[in-house]
Each structure stands twice: as C-alpha cells, then as structure tokens.
PDB file of N, CA and C in Angstrom:
ATOM      1  N   MET A   1     242.323 -53.890  44.858  1.00  0.00           N
ATOM      2  CA  MET A   1     243.658 -55.306  44.345  1.00  0.00           C
ATOM      3  C   MET A   1     243.377 -55.898  44.829  1.00  0.00           C
ATOM      4  N   GLU A   2     243.267 -56.861  43.661  1.00  0.00           N
ATOM      5  CA  GLU A   2     243.674 -58.058  43.779  1.00  0.00           C
ATOM      6  C   GLU A   2     245.220 -59.078  44.149  1.00  0.00           C
ATOM      7  N   VAL A   3     245.237 -59.937  44.628  1.00  0.00           N
ATOM      8  CA  VAL A   3     246.048 -60.461  45.537  1.00  0.00           C
ATOM      9  C   VAL A   3     246.630 -61.474  45.061  1.00  0.00           C
ATOM     10  N   PRO A   4     248.074 -62.014  44.492  1.00  0.00           N
ATOM     11  CA  PRO A   4     247.980 -63.347  44.257  1.00  0.00           C
ATOM     12  C   PRO A   4     247.515 -64.744  45.168  1.00  0.00           C
ATOM     13  N   GLU A   5     247.326 -65.352  44.725  1.00  0.00           N
ATOM     14  CA  GLU A   5     246.766 -66.382  45.109  1.00  0.00           C
ATOM     15  C   GLU A   5     248.125 -67.155  46.058  1.00  0.00           C
ATOM     16  N   ARG A   6     248.960 -67.004  45.643  1.00  0.00           N
ATOM     17  CA  ARG A   6     249.867 -67.384  46.308  1.00  0.00           C
ATOM     18  C   ARG A   6     250.393 -66.861  47.809  1.00  0.00           C
ATOM     19  N   ILE A   7     249.803 -65.383  47.228  1.00  0.00           N
ATOM     20  CA  ILE A   7     250.382 -64.216  48.619  1.00  0.00           C
ATOM     21  C   ILE A   7     248.804 -64.535  49.507  1.00  0.00           C
ATOM     22  N   VAL A   8     248.839 -64.309  50.656  1.00  0.00           N
ATOM     23  CA  VAL A   8     248.334 -64.108  51.963  1.00  0.00           C
ATOM     24  C   VAL A   8     248.048 -63.360  52.996  1.00  0.00           C
ATOM     25  N   ILE A   9     246.621 -62.603  53.179  1.00  0.00           N
ATOM     26  CA  ILE A   9     246.934 -61.261  54.131  1.00  0.00           C
ATOM     27  C   ILE A   9     245.970 -61.739  55.136  1.00  0.00           C
ATOM     28  N   ASP A  10     246.541 -62.216  56.110  1.00  0.00           N
ATOM     29  CA  ASP A  10     245.672 -62.338  57.635  1.00  0.00           C
ATOM     30  C   ASP A  10     246.044 -61.632  59.331  1.00  0.00           C
ATOM     31  N   SER A  11     245.462 -60.662  59.125  1.00  0.00           N
ATOM     32  CA  SER A  11     245.580 -60.646  60.469  1.00  0.00           C
ATOM     33  C   SER A  11     246.031 -60.514  61.907  1.00  0.00           C
ATOM     34  N   GLU A  12     246.225 -61.813  61.556  1.00  0.00           N
ATOM     35  CA  GLU A  12     246.420 -62.970  62.915  1.00  0.00           C
ATOM     36  C   GLU A  12     247.440 -63.682  62.623  1.00  0.00           C
ATOM     37  N   ARG A  13     248.346 -63.259  61.725  1.00  0.00           N
ATOM     38  CA  ARG A  13     249.486 -64.514  60.874  1.00  0.00           C
ATOM     39  C   ARG A  13     250.415 -62.876  60.035  1.00  0.00           C
ATOM     40  N   CYS A  14     251.673 -63.592  60.911  1.00  0.00           N
ATOM     41  CA  CYS A  14     253.080 -62.051  59.998  1.00  0.00           C
ATOM     42  C   CYS A  14     252.476 -60.744  60.870  1.00  0.00           C
ATOM     43  N   ALA A  15     252.531 -60.556  61.671  1.00  0.00           N
ATOM     44  CA  ALA A  15     251.322 -59.446  62.068  1.00  0.00           C
ATOM     45  C   ALA A  15     250.405 -58.453  61.081  1.00  0.00           C
ATOM     46  N   GLY A  16     250.080 -59.216  60.245  1.00  0.00           N
ATOM     47  CA  GLY A  16     248.446 -58.660  59.511  1.00  0.00           C
ATOM     48  C   GLY A  16     249.871 -59.070  57.972  1.00  0.00           C
ATOM     49  N   LYS A  17     251.058 -58.872  58.259  1.00  0.00           N
ATOM     50  CA  LYS A  17     251.427 -58.364  56.908  1.00  0.00           C
ATOM     51  C   LYS A  17     251.396 -59.608  55.400  1.00  0.00           C
ATOM     52  N   PRO A  18     252.243 -58.698  54.594  1.00  0.00           N
ATOM     53  CA  PRO A  18     251.690 -60.284  53.349  1.00  0.00           C
ATOM     54  C   PRO A  18     252.531 -61.478  53.768  1.00  0.00           C
ATOM     55  N   CYS A  19     252.021 -62.427  53.342  1.00  0.00           N
ATOM     56  CA  CYS A  19     253.575 -63.395  53.254  1.00  0.00           C
ATOM     57  C   CYS A  19     253.058 -64.866  52.539  1.00  0.00           C
ATOM     58  N   ILE A  20     253.789 -65.675  52.144  1.00  0.00           N
ATOM     59  CA  ILE A  20     253.987 -66.814  51.061  1.00  0.00           C
ATOM     60  C   ILE A  20     252.396 -67.780  52.072  1.00  0.00           C
ATOM     61  N   ARG A  21     251.234 -67.981  51.233  1.00  0.00           N
ATOM     62  CA  ARG A  21     250.615 -69.045  51.550  1.00  0.00           C
ATOM     63  C   ARG A  21     251.126 -70.824  52.425  1.00  0.00           C
ATOM     64  N   GLY A  22     251.318 -70.451  53.493  1.00  0.00           N
ATOM     65  CA  GLY A  22     251.868 -71.592  54.239  1.00  0.00           C
ATOM     66  C   GLY A  22     252.783 -71.820  55.000  1.00  0.00           C
ATOM     67  N   THR A  23     253.311 -70.582  54.989  1.00  0.00           N
ATOM     68  CA  THR A  23     254.779 -70.261  55.445  1.00  0.00           C
ATOM     69  C   THR A  23     254.301 -69.175  56.142  1.00  0.00           C
ATOM     70  N   ARG A  24     255.651 -68.638  57.167  1.00  0.00           N
ATOM     71  CA  ARG A  24     255.351 -67.385  57.998  1.00  0.00           C
ATOM     72  C   ARG A  24     256.514 -66.822  57.095  1.00  0.00           C
ATOM     73  N   LEU A  25     257.197 -65.896  55.965  1.00  0.00           N
ATOM     74  CA  LEU A  25     257.614 -65.910  54.637  1.00  0.00           C
ATOM     75  C   LEU A  25     257.231 -65.104  54.877  1.00  0.00           C
ATOM     76  N   SER A  26     257.637 -63.626  54.997  1.00  0.00           N
ATOM     77  CA  SER A  26     256.616 -62.327  54.299  1.00  0.00           C
ATOM     78  C   SER A  26     257.086 -61.636  53.312  1.00  0.00           C
ATOM     79  N   VAL A  27     256.766 -60.389  52.532  1.00  0.00           N
ATOM     80  CA  VAL A  27     256.912 -60.558  51.098  1.00  0.00           C
ATOM     81  C   VAL A  27     258.218 -59.670  51.146  1.00  0.00           C
ATOM     82  N   ASP A  28     258.124 -58.809  52.548  1.00  0.00           N
ATOM     83  CA  ASP A  28     258.858 -57.586  52.634  1.00  0.00           C
ATOM     84  C   ASP A  28     260.432 -58.582  52.512  1.00  0.00           C
ATOM     85  N   PHE A  29     260.112 -59.417  53.719  1.00  0.00           N
ATOM     86  CA  PHE A  29     261.727 -60.366  54.430  1.00  0.00           C
ATOM     87  C   PHE A  29     262.094 -61.315  53.064  1.00  0.00           C
ATOM     88  N   ILE A  30     260.866 -61.264  52.246  1.00  0.00           N
ATOM     89  CA  ILE A  30     261.619 -62.130  50.785  1.00  0.00           C
ATOM     90  C   ILE A  30     262.379 -60.802  50.023  1.00  0.00           C
ATOM     91  N   LEU A  31     261.858 -59.568  49.582  1.00  0.00           N
ATOM     92  CA  LEU A  31     262.038 -58.724  49.146  1.00  0.00           C
ATOM     93  C   LEU A  31     263.748 -57.824  49.547  1.00  0.00           C
ATOM     94  N   GLU A  32     263.832 -58.491  50.598  1.00  0.00           N
ATOM     95  CA  GLU A  32     265.207 -57.731  51.386  1.00  0.00           C
ATOM     96  C   GLU A  32     266.944 -58.750  50.594  1.00  0.00           C
ATOM     97  N   LEU A  33     266.134 -60.220  51.150  1.00  0.00           N
ATOM     98  CA  LEU A  33     266.575 -61.249  50.740  1.00  0.00           C
ATOM     99  C   LEU A  33     266.901 -61.456  49.525  1.00  0.00           C
ATOM    100  N   LEU A  34     266.109 -60.700  48.387  1.00  0.00           N
ATOM    101  CA  LEU A  34     266.722 -60.705  46.704  1.00  0.00           C
ATOM    102  C   LEU A  34     266.914 -59.048  46.446  1.00  0.00           C
ATOM    103  N   ALA A  35     267.206 -58.304  47.038  1.00  0.00           N
ATOM    104  CA  ALA A  35     267.857 -56.808  47.442  1.00  0.00           C
ATOM    105  C   ALA A  35     268.929 -57.173  48.250  1.00  0.00           C
ATOM    106  N   SER A  36     268.963 -58.402  48.653  1.00  0.00           N
ATOM    107  CA  SER A  36     270.592 -58.968  49.092  1.00  0.00           C
ATOM    108  C   SER A  36     271.770 -59.524  48.622  1.00  0.00           C
ATOM    109  N   GLY A  37     270.922 -60.101  46.955  1.00  0.00           N
ATOM    110  CA  GLY A  37     271.988 -60.455  45.986  1.00  0.00           C
ATOM    111  C   GLY A  37     271.646 -62.407  46.599  1.00  0.00           C
ATOM    112  N   TRP A  38     270.429 -62.506  46.804  1.00  0.00           N
ATOM    113  CA  TRP A  38     270.116 -63.508  47.152  1.00  0.00           C
ATOM    114  C   TRP A  38     269.972 -64.610  45.721  1.00  0.00           C
ATOM    115  N   SER A  39     269.506 -65.906  45.898  1.00  0.00           N
ATOM    116  CA  SER A  39     269.028 -66.328  44.294  1.00  0.00           C
ATOM    117  C   SER A  39     267.895 -66.915  44.446  1.00  0.00           C
ATOM    118  N   PHE A  40     267.445 -66.769  43.553  1.00  0.00           N
ATOM    119  CA  PHE A  40     265.893 -67.558  43.697  1.00  0.00           C
ATOM    120  C   PHE A  40     265.987 -68.979  44.344  1.00  0.00           C
ATOM    121  N   THR A  41     266.994 -69.230  43.456  1.00  0.00           N
ATOM    122  CA  THR A  41     267.673 -70.968  43.425  1.00  0.00           C
ATOM    123  C   THR A  41     268.163 -70.957  45.747  1.00  0.00           C
ATOM    124  N   LEU A  42     268.636 -70.327  45.779  1.00  0.00           N
ATOM    125  CA  LEU A  42     269.491 -70.063  47.599  1.00  0.00           C
ATOM    126  C   LEU A  42     267.544 -70.153  48.214  1.00  0.00           C
ATOM    127  N   ILE A  43     266.809 -69.066  48.076  1.00  0.00           N
ATOM    128  CA  ILE A  43     266.353 -68.380  48.536  1.00  0.00           C
ATOM    129  C   ILE A  43     264.756 -69.693  48.942  1.00  0.00           C
ATOM    130  N   GLN A  44     264.791 -70.672  47.441  1.00  0.00           N
ATOM    131  CA  GLN A  44     264.239 -71.857  47.221  1.00  0.00           C
ATOM    132  C   GLN A  44     264.462 -73.179  48.038  1.00  0.00           C
ATOM    133  N   GLU A  45     266.394 -73.099  48.521  1.00  0.00           N
ATOM    134  CA  GLU A  45     266.667 -74.545  48.763  1.00  0.00           C
ATOM    135  C   GLU A  45     266.773 -74.234  50.369  1.00  0.00           C
ATOM    136  N   GLU A  46     266.964 -72.551  51.129  1.00  0.00           N
ATOM    137  CA  GLU A  46     267.334 -72.648  52.108  1.00  0.00           C
ATOM    138  C   GLU A  46     265.220 -72.559  53.119  1.00  0.00           C
ATOM    139  N   TYR A  47     264.614 -71.619  52.063  1.00  0.00           N
ATOM    140  CA  TYR A  47     263.616 -71.995  53.238  1.00  0.00           C
ATOM    141  C   TYR A  47     261.767 -72.705  52.017  1.00  0.00           C
ATOM    142  N   GLU A  48     262.805 -73.766  51.407  1.00  0.00           N
ATOM    143  CA  GLU A  48     261.718 -74.887  50.819  1.00  0.00           C
ATOM    144  C   GLU A  48     260.483 -74.188  50.215  1.00  0.00           C
ATOM    145  N   ILE A  49     260.626 -73.379  49.638  1.00  0.00           N
ATOM    146  CA  ILE A  49     259.217 -72.621  48.489  1.00  0.00           C
ATOM    147  C   ILE A  49     259.959 -72.811  47.147  1.00  0.00           C
ATOM    148  N   GLU A  50     258.847 -72.924  46.558  1.00  0.00           N
ATOM    149  CA  GLU A  50     258.740 -72.764  44.988  1.00  0.00           C
ATOM    150  C   GLU A  50     259.192 -71.191  44.139  1.00  0.00           C
ATOM    151  N   LYS A  51     259.660 -71.657  43.185  1.00  0.00           N
ATOM    152  CA  LYS A  51     259.537 -70.555  42.388  1.00  0.00           C
ATOM    153  C   LYS A  51     258.680 -69.424  41.911  1.00  0.00           C
ATOM    154  N   GLU A  52     257.537 -70.612  42.085  1.00  0.00           N
ATOM    155  CA  GLU A  52     255.804 -69.633  41.777  1.00  0.00           C
ATOM    156  C   GLU A  52     255.749 -68.892  43.392  1.00  0.00           C
ATOM    157  N   ASP A  53     256.365 -69.467  44.144  1.00  0.00           N
ATOM    158  CA  ASP A  53     255.818 -68.364  45.447  1.00  0.00           C
ATOM    159  C   ASP A  53     257.134 -66.964  45.450  1.00  0.00           C
ATOM    160  N   LEU A  54     258.100 -67.061  44.779  1.00  0.00           N
ATOM    161  CA  LEU A  54     258.945 -66.478  44.496  1.00  0.00           C
ATOM    162  C   LEU A  54     258.734 -65.173  43.343  1.00  0.00           C
ATOM    163  N   LEU A  55     258.082 -65.552  42.534  1.00  0.00           N
ATOM    164  CA  LEU A  55     257.301 -65.046  41.594  1.00  0.00           C
ATOM    165  C   LEU A  55     255.993 -64.047  41.829  1.00  0.00           C
ATOM    166  N   ALA A  56     255.723 -64.830  42.398  1.00  0.00           N
ATOM    167  CA  ALA A  56     253.973 -64.428  43.597  1.00  0.00           C
ATOM    168  C   ALA A  56     254.235 -63.059  44.294  1.00  0.00           C
ATOM    169  N   VAL A  57     255.898 -63.367  44.834  1.00  0.00           N
ATOM    170  CA  VAL A  57     256.068 -61.767  45.661  1.00  0.00           C
ATOM    171  C   VAL A  57     256.249 -60.876  44.848  1.00  0.00           C
ATOM    172  N   LEU A  58     256.856 -61.062  44.199  1.00  0.00           N
ATOM    173  CA  LEU A  58     257.119 -59.503  43.125  1.00  0.00           C
ATOM    174  C   LEU A  58     256.382 -59.647  42.321  1.00  0.00           C
ATOM    175  N   GLN A  59     255.248 -60.312  41.737  1.00  0.00           N
ATOM    176  CA  GLN A  59     253.853 -59.834  41.411  1.00  0.00           C
ATOM    177  C   GLN A  59     253.422 -58.796  42.202  1.00  0.00           C
ATOM    178  N   TYR A  60     253.104 -59.041  43.430  1.00  0.00           N
ATOM    179  CA  TYR A  60     252.959 -58.513  44.508  1.00  0.00           C
ATOM    180  C   TYR A  60     253.220 -57.004  44.749  1.00  0.00           C
ATOM    181  N   ALA A  61     253.992 -57.172  44.698  1.00  0.00           N
ATOM    182  CA  ALA A  61     255.112 -55.716  45.307  1.00  0.00           C
ATOM    183  C   ALA A  61     255.065 -54.970  43.562  1.00  0.00           C
ATOM    184  N   HIS A  62     254.887 -55.666  42.422  1.00  0.00           N
ATOM    185  CA  HIS A  62     254.941 -54.929  41.069  1.00  0.00           C
ATOM    186  C   HIS A  62     253.219 -53.692  41.299  1.00  0.00           C
ATOM    187  N   LYS A  63     252.282 -55.060  41.832  1.00  0.00           N
ATOM    188  CA  LYS A  63     251.041 -54.344  42.301  1.00  0.00           C
ATOM    189  C   LYS A  63     251.395 -53.267  42.848  1.00  0.00           C
ATOM    190  N   ILE A  64     251.544 -53.286  43.844  1.00  0.00           N
ATOM    191  CA  ILE A  64     251.521 -52.177  45.075  1.00  0.00           C
ATOM    192  C   ILE A  64     251.848 -51.183  44.742  1.00  0.00           C
ATOM    193  N   ILE A  65     253.063 -51.074  43.931  1.00  0.00           N
ATOM    194  CA  ILE A  65     253.995 -50.024  43.430  1.00  0.00           C
ATOM    195  C   ILE A  65     253.259 -49.198  42.121  1.00  0.00           C
ATOM    196  N   SER A  66     253.142 -50.070  41.152  1.00  0.00           N
ATOM    197  CA  SER A  66     252.276 -49.133  40.252  1.00  0.00           C
ATOM    198  C   SER A  66     251.007 -48.527  40.735  1.00  0.00           C
ATOM    199  N   GLU A  67     250.411 -49.070  41.378  1.00  0.00           N
ATOM    200  CA  GLU A  67     249.296 -47.819  42.082  1.00  0.00           C
ATOM    201  C   GLU A  67     249.843 -46.788  42.384  1.00  0.00           C
ATOM    202  N   GLU A  68     250.500 -47.064  42.770  1.00  0.00           N
ATOM    203  CA  GLU A  68     251.440 -46.021  43.979  1.00  0.00           C
ATOM    204  C   GLU A  68     251.533 -44.070  43.460  1.00  0.00           C
ATOM    205  N   ASP A  69     250.602 -43.363  43.710  1.00  0.00           N
ATOM    206  CA  ASP A  69     251.140 -42.271  42.944  1.00  0.00           C
ATOM    207  C   ASP A  69     252.126 -41.092  43.396  1.00  0.00           C
ATOM    208  N   VAL A  70     252.616 -41.233  43.294  1.00  0.00           N
ATOM    209  CA  VAL A  70     254.493 -40.289  43.520  1.00  0.00           C
ATOM    210  C   VAL A  70     253.645 -38.247  43.491  1.00  0.00           C
ATOM    211  N   PHE A  71     253.751 -37.736  44.539  1.00  0.00           N
ATOM    212  CA  PHE A  71     253.181 -36.333  44.494  1.00  0.00           C
ATOM    213  C   PHE A  71     255.283 -35.417  44.586  1.00  0.00           C
TER     214      PHE A  71
END
C-alpha cells in the first residue's frame, strides 16, 4: 500500500504507529479527535498542523479500510 507523503511509519517514532510527518501526532489520535467532534480548524490551531496533514490522515485511513476484507 502506498502511504500518503505526509504520513510516516517509523518503528523508532510513535511506537511504529503511522503519524504526521515532522510531528508525534499519530493517525489514530487525529481520527479520535475528529470522531470526538473537533473541527479541522481547531485541530490545526491546537497542534499547529496544516489542512493537508488532516486530509492525509483521512486518505491513509480510507486506504486501510478500503483494503480490508470482512467476512
């Protein structure tokens, strides 16, 4: 699977969880914030990241889910 450019997976960073490049913000943490009702704007202001970072999180999550087979 191709990982979006703004997402990095490194065993020495964030315990190997996918995170936003240049941060310690994991994909699952950002998804949790969004699921809790945080807006893109609030997340961007609170964690000083760009809209493109948030879109990359969603793109990565979409790729993971779309490749999953549920029986």
